[in-house]
Protein backbone atom coordinates (compact mmCIF):
# COMPACT_ATOMS: atom_id res chain seq x y z
CA MET A 1 48.83 4.49 38.41
CA LYS A 2 46.56 1.38 39.01
CA ASN A 3 43.14 3.88 38.63
CA PHE A 4 44.56 5.43 35.57
CA PHE A 5 45.07 2.18 33.68
CA GLY A 6 41.89 0.86 35.07
CA SER A 7 39.93 4.04 33.66
CA LEU A 8 41.93 3.85 30.13
CA LEU A 9 40.98 0.24 29.99
CA LEU A 10 37.35 1.03 30.32
CA LEU A 11 37.70 3.80 28.06
CA PHE A 12 39.40 1.22 25.56
CA LEU A 13 36.24 -0.86 26.01
CA THR A 14 34.02 1.56 25.95
CA LEU A 15 35.07 3.04 22.29
CA ASN A 16 35.53 -0.68 20.94
CA ILE A 17 31.95 -1.46 22.13
CA ASN A 18 30.39 1.65 20.00
CA ALA A 19 32.83 1.30 17.06
CA GLN A 20 31.35 0.62 13.70
CA LYS A 21 32.78 -1.61 11.01
CA VAL A 22 34.33 0.54 8.10
CA ILE A 23 34.62 -1.18 4.69
CA PRO A 24 36.41 0.07 1.87
CA LEU A 25 34.33 0.27 -1.31
CA TYR A 26 36.90 -0.75 -3.61
CA ASN A 27 40.14 -2.92 -3.71
CA GLY A 28 42.80 -0.19 -4.34
CA ALA A 29 41.91 3.02 -5.56
CA ALA A 30 38.40 3.84 -6.88
CA PRO A 31 37.86 3.58 -10.61
CA GLY A 32 38.37 6.96 -12.31
CA SER A 33 40.09 8.75 -9.15
CA GLU A 34 43.12 6.80 -9.03
CA ASN A 35 44.90 10.34 -8.32
CA TRP A 36 42.98 11.53 -5.65
CA ASN A 37 45.33 11.83 -2.85
CA TRP A 38 43.49 14.25 -0.51
CA GLU A 39 42.47 13.37 2.97
CA GLU A 40 38.92 13.27 4.25
CA ALA A 41 37.94 15.64 6.63
CA ARG A 42 34.94 16.07 9.43
CA GLN A 43 33.70 19.43 11.13
CA ASP A 44 31.09 19.38 13.89
CA SER A 45 30.91 22.99 14.32
CA ASN A 46 29.25 25.03 11.07
CA VAL A 47 26.72 26.93 10.13
CA PHE A 48 24.48 23.76 9.16
CA HIS A 49 24.94 23.10 13.28
CA THR A 50 25.06 19.23 11.86
CA PRO A 51 28.37 17.16 11.59
CA ILE A 52 29.73 17.21 7.90
CA VAL A 53 32.56 15.01 6.16
CA TYR A 54 33.84 16.40 2.88
CA ASN A 55 37.26 15.49 1.02
CA VAL A 56 36.05 11.83 0.46
CA SER A 57 38.38 10.36 -2.06
CA HIS A 58 38.21 6.68 -1.06
CA PRO A 59 34.48 5.65 -0.46
CA THR A 60 33.65 3.52 2.16
CA LEU A 61 30.82 1.55 4.03
CA THR A 62 29.81 1.81 7.72
CA VAL A 63 27.82 -1.20 9.13
CA TYR A 64 25.15 -0.02 11.64
CA LEU A 65 23.83 -3.79 13.02
CA PRO A 66 20.04 -4.01 14.04
CA ASP A 67 19.40 -4.00 17.53
CA PRO A 68 19.29 -7.38 19.16
CA ALA A 69 16.21 -7.06 20.78
CA ALA A 70 14.57 -5.80 17.54
CA PRO A 71 12.66 -8.08 15.05
CA LYS A 72 14.73 -10.05 12.68
CA THR A 73 13.64 -8.70 9.29
CA ASN A 74 16.83 -10.01 7.29
CA THR A 75 16.47 -6.31 5.33
CA ALA A 76 19.61 -4.26 4.28
CA VAL A 77 19.51 -0.38 3.48
CA VAL A 78 22.38 1.36 2.01
CA ILE A 79 22.26 5.13 3.02
CA ALA A 80 23.32 7.88 0.90
CA PRO A 81 23.89 11.13 3.03
CA GLY A 82 23.44 14.45 0.97
CA GLY A 83 25.57 17.72 0.51
CA GLY A 84 25.83 18.92 -2.82
CA PHE A 85 28.21 16.67 -3.93
CA HIS A 86 30.62 18.84 -1.73
CA LEU A 87 29.57 17.38 1.42
CA LEU A 88 28.00 14.94 3.65
CA SER A 89 25.44 15.53 5.98
CA ILE A 90 26.91 12.43 8.11
CA ASN A 91 24.53 12.65 11.20
CA SER A 92 21.25 13.78 10.30
CA GLU A 93 21.13 11.93 6.90
CA GLY A 94 23.21 9.00 8.12
CA VAL A 95 24.20 7.79 11.22
CA ASP A 96 20.52 9.04 12.79
CA VAL A 97 18.77 7.47 9.89
CA ALA A 98 20.69 4.25 10.58
CA LYS A 99 20.10 4.12 14.37
CA TRP A 100 16.36 4.59 13.75
CA LEU A 101 16.11 1.61 11.33
CA ASN A 102 18.21 -0.36 13.35
CA LYS A 103 15.66 -0.38 16.03
CA LYS A 104 13.23 -2.05 13.44
CA GLY A 105 15.49 -4.82 12.68
CA ILE A 106 17.35 -3.55 9.68
CA THR A 107 21.13 -3.80 8.78
CA CYS A 108 22.21 -0.38 7.76
CA PHE A 109 25.13 0.64 5.66
CA VAL A 110 26.14 4.52 5.65
CA LEU A 111 27.79 5.07 2.28
CA LYS A 112 30.43 7.76 1.98
CA TYR A 113 30.77 8.46 -1.77
CA ARG A 114 33.10 10.41 -3.80
CA LEU A 115 32.94 14.28 -3.60
CA VAL A 116 34.36 17.46 -5.37
CA HIS A 117 37.68 18.36 -3.68
CA SER A 118 37.41 21.01 -1.37
CA LYS A 119 39.89 23.65 -1.82
CA THR A 120 39.42 25.22 1.71
CA ASP A 121 38.35 24.19 4.99
CA ASN A 122 34.73 25.88 4.40
CA PRO A 123 33.13 23.33 2.00
CA ILE A 124 29.96 24.36 2.79
CA GLN A 125 30.62 27.93 1.40
CA GLU A 126 32.08 26.34 -1.38
CA MET A 127 28.79 24.14 -1.97
CA MET A 128 26.65 27.36 -1.76
CA ASP A 129 28.66 29.39 -4.26
CA MET A 130 28.28 26.77 -6.57
CA ILE A 131 24.57 26.44 -6.22
CA ASN A 132 24.13 30.26 -6.54
CA GLY A 133 26.43 30.34 -9.41
CA LYS A 134 28.90 32.49 -8.03
CA GLY A 135 32.10 29.83 -8.32
CA GLY A 136 32.96 26.32 -8.34
CA ASN A 137 33.93 23.75 -11.35
CA ASN A 138 31.01 22.38 -13.11
CA GLU A 139 32.83 19.47 -15.01
CA GLU A 140 34.34 18.89 -11.58
CA THR A 141 30.97 18.21 -10.13
CA LYS A 142 29.28 16.38 -13.06
CA SER A 143 32.57 14.21 -12.78
CA ALA A 144 31.77 13.56 -8.57
CA ILE A 145 28.22 13.06 -9.56
CA VAL A 146 29.30 10.18 -12.18
CA MET A 147 31.46 8.86 -9.57
CA ALA A 148 29.16 8.92 -6.61
CA ILE A 149 26.45 6.99 -8.38
CA ALA A 150 28.81 4.51 -9.60
CA ASP A 151 29.71 4.13 -5.63
CA GLY A 152 26.29 3.68 -5.13
CA ARG A 153 25.52 0.60 -7.22
CA GLU A 154 29.05 -0.46 -5.95
CA ALA A 155 27.46 -0.50 -2.53
CA ILE A 156 24.50 -2.24 -3.30
CA SER A 157 26.54 -5.29 -4.88
CA TYR A 158 29.03 -5.14 -2.18
CA VAL A 159 25.91 -6.14 0.32
CA ARG A 160 24.60 -8.50 -1.88
CA LYS A 161 27.77 -10.34 -1.94
CA HIS A 162 28.23 -10.58 1.43
CA ALA A 163 24.53 -10.95 2.19
CA ALA A 164 25.21 -14.30 4.28
CA GLU A 165 28.02 -12.44 6.13
CA TYR A 166 25.67 -10.25 7.94
CA ASN A 167 22.28 -12.46 7.79
CA ILE A 168 20.59 -10.61 5.22
CA ASP A 169 18.25 -11.51 2.55
CA ALA A 170 19.68 -11.18 -0.74
CA ASN A 171 16.36 -9.88 -2.14
CA LYS A 172 15.97 -7.35 0.21
CA ILE A 173 18.55 -5.02 -0.31
CA GLY A 174 17.38 -1.15 -0.74
CA ILE A 175 18.81 2.30 -1.19
CA MET A 176 17.82 5.32 0.30
CA GLY A 177 19.63 8.95 -0.10
CA PHE A 178 19.04 12.38 0.70
CA SER A 179 19.56 14.99 -1.99
CA ALA A 180 22.43 14.38 -3.68
CA GLY A 181 22.28 11.51 -2.02
CA GLY A 182 18.79 11.18 -3.50
CA THR A 183 20.77 11.38 -6.98
CA VAL A 184 22.92 8.16 -5.83
CA ALA A 185 19.67 6.33 -4.41
CA ALA A 186 17.15 6.94 -7.18
CA SER A 187 19.98 6.75 -10.36
CA ALA A 188 20.14 3.02 -8.95
CA ALA A 189 16.50 2.44 -9.88
CA PHE A 190 18.00 2.77 -13.70
CA ASN A 191 20.29 0.66 -16.13
CA TYR A 192 21.14 -1.75 -12.84
CA THR A 193 22.43 -5.25 -13.41
CA ALA A 194 21.59 -8.16 -11.36
CA ASP A 195 24.21 -7.63 -9.12
CA ASN A 196 23.59 -3.82 -8.63
CA LYS A 197 19.49 -3.67 -8.64
CA PRO A 198 17.94 -2.45 -5.54
CA ASP A 199 15.32 -4.28 -4.45
CA PHE A 200 13.54 -1.13 -2.82
CA VAL A 201 14.68 2.54 -3.31
CA ALA A 202 13.97 5.79 -1.44
CA PRO A 203 14.95 9.15 -2.53
CA VAL A 204 14.42 11.93 0.00
CA TYR A 205 14.08 15.53 -1.67
CA PRO A 206 16.29 14.18 -4.61
CA PHE A 207 18.25 16.16 -7.35
CA PHE A 208 16.92 14.21 -9.82
CA PRO A 209 15.79 16.39 -12.89
CA ASP A 210 13.69 14.62 -15.96
CA ASN A 211 17.05 14.39 -18.03
CA MET A 212 18.48 11.69 -15.52
CA GLN A 213 15.60 9.83 -15.75
CA THR A 214 15.85 7.36 -18.49
CA ASP A 215 13.29 4.36 -19.16
CA VAL A 216 11.67 2.55 -16.18
CA ALA A 217 12.45 -1.14 -16.71
CA ALA A 218 9.95 -3.64 -16.57
CA ASP A 219 10.99 -5.27 -13.33
CA ALA A 220 11.98 -1.83 -11.57
CA PRO A 221 11.87 -1.64 -7.85
CA PRO A 222 9.35 -0.30 -5.76
CA MET A 223 10.01 3.28 -4.76
CA PHE A 224 9.46 5.29 -1.65
CA ILE A 225 9.29 9.25 -2.09
CA THR A 226 9.35 12.17 0.15
CA ALA A 227 10.25 16.01 -0.16
CA ALA A 228 8.43 19.45 1.09
CA SER A 229 6.75 21.88 -1.27
CA ASP A 230 8.60 24.67 0.24
CA ASP A 231 12.06 23.19 -0.57
CA GLN A 232 14.43 26.29 -0.83
CA LEU A 233 16.24 24.60 -4.05
CA GLY A 234 13.21 24.11 -6.05
CA LEU A 235 13.53 20.30 -6.24
CA ALA A 236 10.17 19.23 -4.98
CA PRO A 237 9.32 19.01 -8.91
CA HIS A 238 11.91 16.15 -9.11
CA SER A 239 9.93 14.12 -6.54
CA VAL A 240 6.62 14.62 -8.44
CA SER A 241 8.13 13.77 -11.65
CA LEU A 242 9.67 10.73 -10.25
CA TYR A 243 6.80 9.37 -8.66
CA ASN A 244 4.51 10.20 -12.10
CA LYS A 245 7.12 8.01 -14.19
CA TRP A 246 6.58 5.04 -11.45
CA VAL A 247 3.26 5.01 -11.53
CA ALA A 248 2.30 5.58 -15.16
CA THR A 249 4.59 2.73 -15.86
CA LYS A 250 2.72 0.48 -13.23
CA HIS A 251 5.67 0.22 -10.83
CA PRO A 252 4.44 0.61 -6.98
CA ALA A 253 5.43 4.03 -5.44
CA GLU A 254 4.69 6.27 -2.59
CA LEU A 255 4.94 10.03 -2.50
CA HIS A 256 4.82 12.26 0.42
CA MET A 257 4.89 15.79 -0.18
CA TYR A 258 4.78 17.97 2.69
CA VAL A 259 3.59 21.50 2.79
CA LYS A 260 6.45 22.78 4.93
CA GLY A 261 9.65 21.19 5.84
CA GLY A 262 12.37 23.03 3.34
CA HIS A 263 15.26 20.96 1.85
CA GLY A 264 17.40 18.70 4.13
CA PHE A 265 15.20 18.24 7.25
CA GLY A 266 16.61 14.73 7.28
CA MET A 267 16.12 13.42 11.08
CA ARG A 268 16.14 17.27 12.15
CA LYS A 269 13.33 17.91 14.95
CA GLN A 270 11.23 21.12 13.87
CA ASN A 271 7.97 20.41 15.42
CA ILE A 272 6.21 19.97 12.08
CA PRO A 273 4.74 16.93 10.35
CA THR A 274 8.25 16.05 8.24
CA ASP A 275 9.74 15.14 11.47
CA ASN A 276 7.53 11.98 11.22
CA TRP A 277 8.44 11.12 7.34
CA ILE A 278 11.00 8.34 8.58
CA GLU A 279 7.64 6.28 10.48
CA ARG A 280 5.71 6.67 6.98
CA PHE A 281 8.92 5.00 5.37
CA GLY A 282 8.66 2.42 8.26
CA ASP A 283 5.09 1.84 7.53
CA TRP A 284 5.91 1.35 3.56
CA LEU A 285 8.64 -1.08 4.48
CA SER A 286 6.12 -3.21 6.25
CA VAL A 287 3.06 -2.74 3.51
CA MET A 288 5.70 -3.69 0.84
CA GLY A 289 6.56 -6.64 2.78
CA ILE A 290 10.23 -5.89 3.05
CA THR A 291 10.23 -6.10 6.89
CA ASN A 292 7.89 -8.75 7.36
CA THR A 293 8.34 -10.95 10.25
CA ALA A 294 7.43 -14.08 12.09
CA GLU A 295 6.41 -11.83 14.52
CA SER A 296 3.63 -10.27 12.50
CA LEU A 297 2.10 -13.36 11.52
CA ASN A 298 -1.38 -13.77 12.06
CA ALA A 299 -3.48 -16.43 13.89
CA GLN A 300 -4.77 -18.15 10.28
CA GLN A 301 -0.73 -18.18 9.01
CA VAL A 302 0.21 -19.42 12.56
CA GLU A 303 -2.02 -22.38 12.01
CA TRP A 304 -1.11 -23.11 8.39
CA MET A 305 2.81 -23.02 9.61
CA GLN A 306 1.51 -25.54 12.48
CA GLY A 307 -0.08 -27.51 9.89
CA THR A 308 2.89 -27.28 7.64
CA LEU A 309 5.41 -28.64 10.24
CA LYS A 310 3.34 -31.70 10.94
CA ASP A 311 2.91 -32.63 7.46
CA TRP A 312 5.50 -30.48 5.36
CA PRO A 313 4.20 -32.07 1.78
CA ASN A 314 0.50 -32.28 3.01
CA ILE A 315 0.07 -35.82 1.75
CA LYS A 316 -2.79 -35.96 4.12
CA ARG A 317 -4.57 -33.44 1.77
CA TYR A 318 -5.48 -36.17 -0.93
CA ASP A 319 -5.01 -39.25 1.20
CA GLU A 320 -8.75 -40.32 1.06
CA ALA A 321 -9.49 -39.53 -2.24
CA ASN A 322 -6.48 -41.20 -3.66
CA GLN A 323 -7.33 -44.42 -1.55
CA GLN A 324 -10.91 -44.40 -3.13
CA LEU A 325 -9.65 -43.69 -6.48
CA LYS A 326 -7.18 -46.74 -6.36
CA SER A 327 -10.25 -48.98 -5.28
CA LYS A 328 -11.75 -48.51 -8.45
CA PRO A 329 -11.00 -50.37 -11.68
CA ALA A 330 -8.34 -47.71 -13.81
CA VAL A 331 -9.73 -45.38 -16.43
CA LYS A 332 -7.88 -45.21 -19.79
CA ASP A 333 -5.92 -42.02 -20.33
CA ARG A 334 -5.95 -40.74 -16.88
CA VAL A 335 -4.30 -37.66 -16.79
CA VAL A 336 -3.19 -35.91 -13.01
CA PHE A 337 -2.70 -32.28 -12.63
CA MET A 338 0.17 -31.83 -10.34
CA GLY A 339 0.94 -28.33 -9.03
CA ASN A 340 -0.36 -25.32 -6.49
CA SER A 341 -2.95 -22.86 -6.07
CA ILE A 342 -3.37 -22.25 -9.76
CA THR A 343 -3.87 -26.06 -10.35
CA ASP A 344 -5.87 -26.30 -7.11
CA GLY A 345 -8.17 -23.16 -7.97
CA TRP A 346 -8.85 -24.87 -11.43
CA ILE A 347 -11.15 -27.17 -10.69
CA ASN A 348 -13.41 -24.52 -8.46
CA SER A 349 -13.24 -22.36 -11.51
CA ASP A 350 -14.33 -24.65 -14.28
CA PRO A 351 -15.03 -28.27 -12.67
CA ASP A 352 -16.76 -29.30 -16.17
CA PHE A 353 -13.06 -29.40 -17.54
CA PHE A 354 -12.00 -32.39 -15.18
CA SER A 355 -15.65 -34.17 -14.94
CA LYS A 356 -15.72 -34.37 -18.45
CA ASN A 357 -11.96 -35.51 -19.15
CA PRO A 358 -10.32 -38.46 -17.06
CA TYR A 359 -8.45 -35.58 -15.47
CA ILE A 360 -7.21 -35.73 -11.82
CA ASP A 361 -6.74 -32.39 -10.13
CA ARG A 362 -3.64 -32.71 -7.10
CA GLY A 363 -3.00 -29.18 -6.69
CA ILE A 364 -2.40 -27.53 -3.46
CA SER A 365 -2.51 -23.84 -3.00
CA GLY A 366 0.90 -22.73 -1.67
CA GLN A 367 3.21 -25.58 -2.43
CA THR A 368 6.83 -25.06 -3.81
CA THR A 369 8.31 -27.70 -5.82
CA PRO A 370 10.39 -29.68 -2.71
CA GLN A 371 6.86 -30.08 -1.55
CA MET A 372 5.41 -31.25 -4.33
CA LEU A 373 8.45 -33.50 -5.27
CA ALA A 374 8.05 -35.17 -1.75
CA ARG A 375 4.24 -36.22 -2.38
CA PHE A 376 4.85 -37.07 -6.13
CA ARG A 377 4.75 -40.75 -5.50
CA GLU A 378 1.35 -40.44 -3.12
CA ASP A 379 -0.19 -38.22 -5.31
CA VAL A 380 0.90 -39.33 -9.03
CA ILE A 381 2.75 -42.29 -9.44
CA ASP A 382 0.57 -44.49 -7.37
CA LEU A 383 -2.76 -43.20 -9.13
CA LYS A 384 -0.68 -45.00 -12.33
CA PRO A 385 -2.23 -42.35 -14.85
CA ALA A 386 -1.24 -42.39 -18.77
CA ALA A 387 0.44 -38.88 -18.15
CA VAL A 388 0.97 -36.13 -15.77
CA VAL A 389 0.73 -32.04 -15.97
CA ILE A 390 3.56 -30.56 -13.98
CA LEU A 391 2.56 -26.93 -13.30
CA ALA A 392 4.85 -25.70 -10.63
CA GLY A 393 7.80 -23.18 -9.71
CA ILE A 394 6.01 -19.54 -8.80
CA ASN A 395 5.45 -20.14 -5.14
CA ASP A 396 9.56 -21.20 -5.19
CA ILE A 397 9.82 -17.64 -6.64
CA ALA A 398 7.90 -15.89 -4.12
CA GLN A 399 10.05 -17.92 -1.33
CA ASN A 400 6.84 -19.48 0.03
CA THR A 401 9.15 -22.18 1.87
CA GLY A 402 12.30 -19.91 2.48
CA TYR A 403 15.27 -19.22 -0.20
CA ILE A 404 15.46 -21.38 -3.11
CA ARG A 405 18.16 -21.15 -5.98
CA PRO A 406 16.30 -21.11 -9.48
CA GLU A 407 18.49 -24.32 -10.61
CA ASP A 408 16.89 -26.09 -7.59
CA THR A 409 13.16 -25.00 -8.87
CA TYR A 410 14.13 -26.44 -12.37
CA GLY A 411 15.73 -29.49 -10.81
CA ASN A 412 12.80 -30.72 -8.68
CA ILE A 413 10.42 -30.31 -11.57
CA ILE A 414 12.68 -32.33 -13.47
CA SER A 415 13.15 -34.87 -10.78
CA MET A 416 9.30 -35.07 -11.29
CA ALA A 417 9.34 -35.68 -14.63
CA GLU A 418 12.22 -38.42 -14.39
CA LEU A 419 10.18 -40.44 -11.68
CA ALA A 420 7.30 -40.08 -14.24
CA LYS A 421 9.44 -41.31 -16.91
CA ALA A 422 10.65 -44.24 -15.12
CA ASN A 423 7.02 -45.07 -14.08
CA ASN A 424 5.83 -45.32 -17.65
CA ILE A 425 3.83 -42.11 -17.13
CA LYS A 426 3.91 -39.63 -20.00
CA VAL A 427 5.31 -35.78 -19.30
CA VAL A 428 3.71 -32.57 -19.96
CA ILE A 429 5.90 -30.15 -18.50
CA CYS A 430 4.03 -26.12 -18.01
CA SER A 431 5.59 -23.05 -18.33
CA ILE A 432 5.43 -20.94 -15.07
CA LEU A 433 2.67 -18.42 -15.83
CA PRO A 434 3.59 -14.82 -15.98
CA ALA A 435 4.03 -12.53 -12.67
CA TYR A 436 4.64 -9.16 -12.25
CA ASP A 437 4.25 -9.07 -8.60
CA PHE A 438 2.83 -11.12 -5.43
CA PRO A 439 0.03 -9.78 -3.72
CA TRP A 440 1.23 -11.97 -0.51
CA ARG A 441 4.72 -10.50 -0.55
CA PRO A 442 5.10 -7.30 -2.71
CA GLY A 443 8.26 -6.36 -4.37
CA MET A 444 9.88 -9.54 -5.30
CA GLN A 445 10.03 -8.61 -9.29
CA PRO A 446 9.24 -12.27 -10.04
CA ALA A 447 8.87 -11.47 -13.68
CA GLU A 448 12.51 -11.84 -15.25
CA LYS A 449 12.75 -14.95 -12.45
CA VAL A 450 9.75 -16.59 -14.29
CA VAL A 451 11.64 -15.94 -18.10
CA ALA A 452 14.50 -17.50 -16.86
CA ILE A 453 13.16 -20.81 -15.14
CA ASN A 454 10.97 -21.26 -17.89
CA LYS A 455 13.89 -21.10 -20.54
CA MET A 456 15.39 -24.05 -18.57
CA LEU A 457 12.19 -25.90 -18.67
CA LYS A 458 11.79 -25.68 -22.46
CA ASP A 459 15.41 -26.37 -23.34
CA TYR A 460 14.97 -29.60 -21.27
CA ALA A 461 11.65 -30.59 -22.71
CA ASP A 462 13.12 -30.12 -26.18
CA LYS A 463 16.26 -32.05 -25.57
CA ASN A 464 14.41 -34.88 -23.79
CA HIS A 465 11.25 -35.08 -26.53
CA ILE A 466 9.21 -33.81 -23.51
CA VAL A 467 5.89 -31.96 -24.50
CA TYR A 468 6.21 -28.44 -23.11
CA VAL A 469 2.99 -26.19 -22.73
CA ASP A 470 3.83 -22.68 -22.93
CA TYR A 471 1.31 -20.91 -20.96
CA PHE A 472 3.34 -17.60 -20.78
CA SER A 473 3.83 -16.34 -23.99
CA ALA A 474 -0.36 -16.79 -24.89
CA MET A 475 -1.20 -14.88 -21.09
CA ALA A 476 1.85 -12.34 -20.56
CA ASP A 477 1.10 -8.66 -20.93
CA GLU A 478 3.88 -6.23 -21.71
CA ARG A 479 5.15 -6.20 -18.31
CA LYS A 480 5.46 -9.83 -18.32
CA GLY A 481 2.79 -10.22 -15.64
CA LEU A 482 -0.67 -11.35 -15.99
CA PRO A 483 -3.31 -8.59 -17.31
CA GLU A 484 -6.35 -7.72 -15.32
CA LYS A 485 -8.87 -9.37 -17.87
CA LEU A 486 -7.18 -12.92 -17.04
CA SER A 487 -6.44 -12.52 -13.18
CA LYS A 488 -7.73 -10.75 -10.34
CA ASP A 489 -4.41 -10.50 -8.49
CA GLY A 490 -1.89 -10.95 -10.93
CA VAL A 491 -1.00 -14.26 -9.92
CA HIS A 492 -4.25 -16.95 -10.32
CA PRO A 493 -6.07 -17.14 -13.61
CA THR A 494 -9.55 -15.84 -13.66
CA LEU A 495 -12.02 -18.47 -15.86
CA ASP A 496 -11.11 -16.39 -18.46
CA GLY A 497 -7.49 -17.20 -17.99
CA TYR A 498 -8.02 -20.95 -17.45
CA LYS A 499 -9.99 -20.57 -20.54
CA ILE A 500 -6.73 -20.21 -22.37
CA MET A 501 -4.79 -22.60 -20.75
CA GLU A 502 -7.18 -25.40 -21.52
CA PRO A 503 -6.79 -25.99 -25.16
CA LEU A 504 -3.21 -25.67 -24.88
CA VAL A 505 -2.78 -28.24 -21.97
CA GLN A 506 -5.34 -30.49 -23.99
CA LYS A 507 -3.33 -30.28 -27.03
CA GLY A 508 -0.03 -31.04 -25.15
CA ILE A 509 -1.61 -34.10 -23.24
CA ALA A 510 -2.70 -35.24 -26.73
CA GLU A 511 0.76 -35.30 -28.01
CA ALA A 512 1.95 -36.84 -25.23
CA LEU A 513 -0.14 -39.56 -25.27
CA LYS A 514 0.60 -40.70 -28.66
CA LYS A 515 4.30 -40.61 -27.86
């Protein structure tokens, strides 16, 4: 008897160690299917030779946490298995994918979305009959598709709202899906809100015809797509069309089209190149900066980080120059340009602009607004300028020194302005320059964030009678980014870009000095 209870306890502990947290996607019945009362079922033995789940009426997320030994990426992926909206290939296109990504340090949420109600205990046959036009209710299938897509959006929203609970970066949440799950994933890349917008999308052999592809938003997420040319359902063109649409609208996209693999290869091993598709997905996540970790830093980055730890605001950068400047007679109408790499690079691109005017460049590459605020006294106030030009915020959006809210970026810029005013220094606040993407951290979708912070800055300037210089409107392209003719990397201006900025800021300086 003692051995029996000991064995039972061991079994209980083992089951609990391996158990995964299952989260209901909605509080109460899912909207649109309140009257669904059938029970979810599972089959481990079937003609597909892989476990399936069917009759999902109450959608859930099952959490798969990263391997503790894996690098800390703070990345999350919602995984939507496929199955023609009649069933879910829960292992090959769900759990097995999650476990592979867990080893890369990624938190996974396997989604069970709502499905067509199976009238028999053979959902595979019902699905095949529908595909072959031998049965099924088209209206019921259309309704299930709409609900499945809604479940995908709700899943992203849930993960974002609970990001802190799972140690996830709220800006590194993606969705991937297979076949019908690919429909769910691809749909999330269109018509999203701030809450349910994915930061990256990976449709795998998706069903996503042209009539489901609406206009691509300016801040659409980057996309990874893979499929096989010999897809038995003829869905390969759907992947190609989706890829072409992303490339045509100048959004990051990668397509892997295998000559052989069929439909539904998932994590199955067939001893052909499709066996390695997920490794290509892992490579893509790394290239896009989505899974970058401290372990992947190069020697130059490590050196920079060490220097930053010793002098976080980099006060030492201009200390000697400041002392020399203070030892000389004051210059009438001296203006200090406070900023980041855009200001730092300005004097190199057009040195005459500074040498022929009483302008002092105090830009430091890579800096965020809290760093600038920390050095504002040494690099601005103590130099006793007549005016200060503040251009800051883009590196906050890139999270160069960690997560920061737009309101805090705005607050730091306003704090610099208030410090200047308290010391009788005229203030010129500049709009953040447009940026569609960051070469050092792709996929952050900065365009709309720039617009939002600029609006806050302009409102403050208008209410407080401070000069506001609008670089954004003069430089933005149709994507709300910097066009190639004004920037080589989409963030830092070329000389042509600075030549647009210079008359604008000089007009602003003249106006500020008159106040």
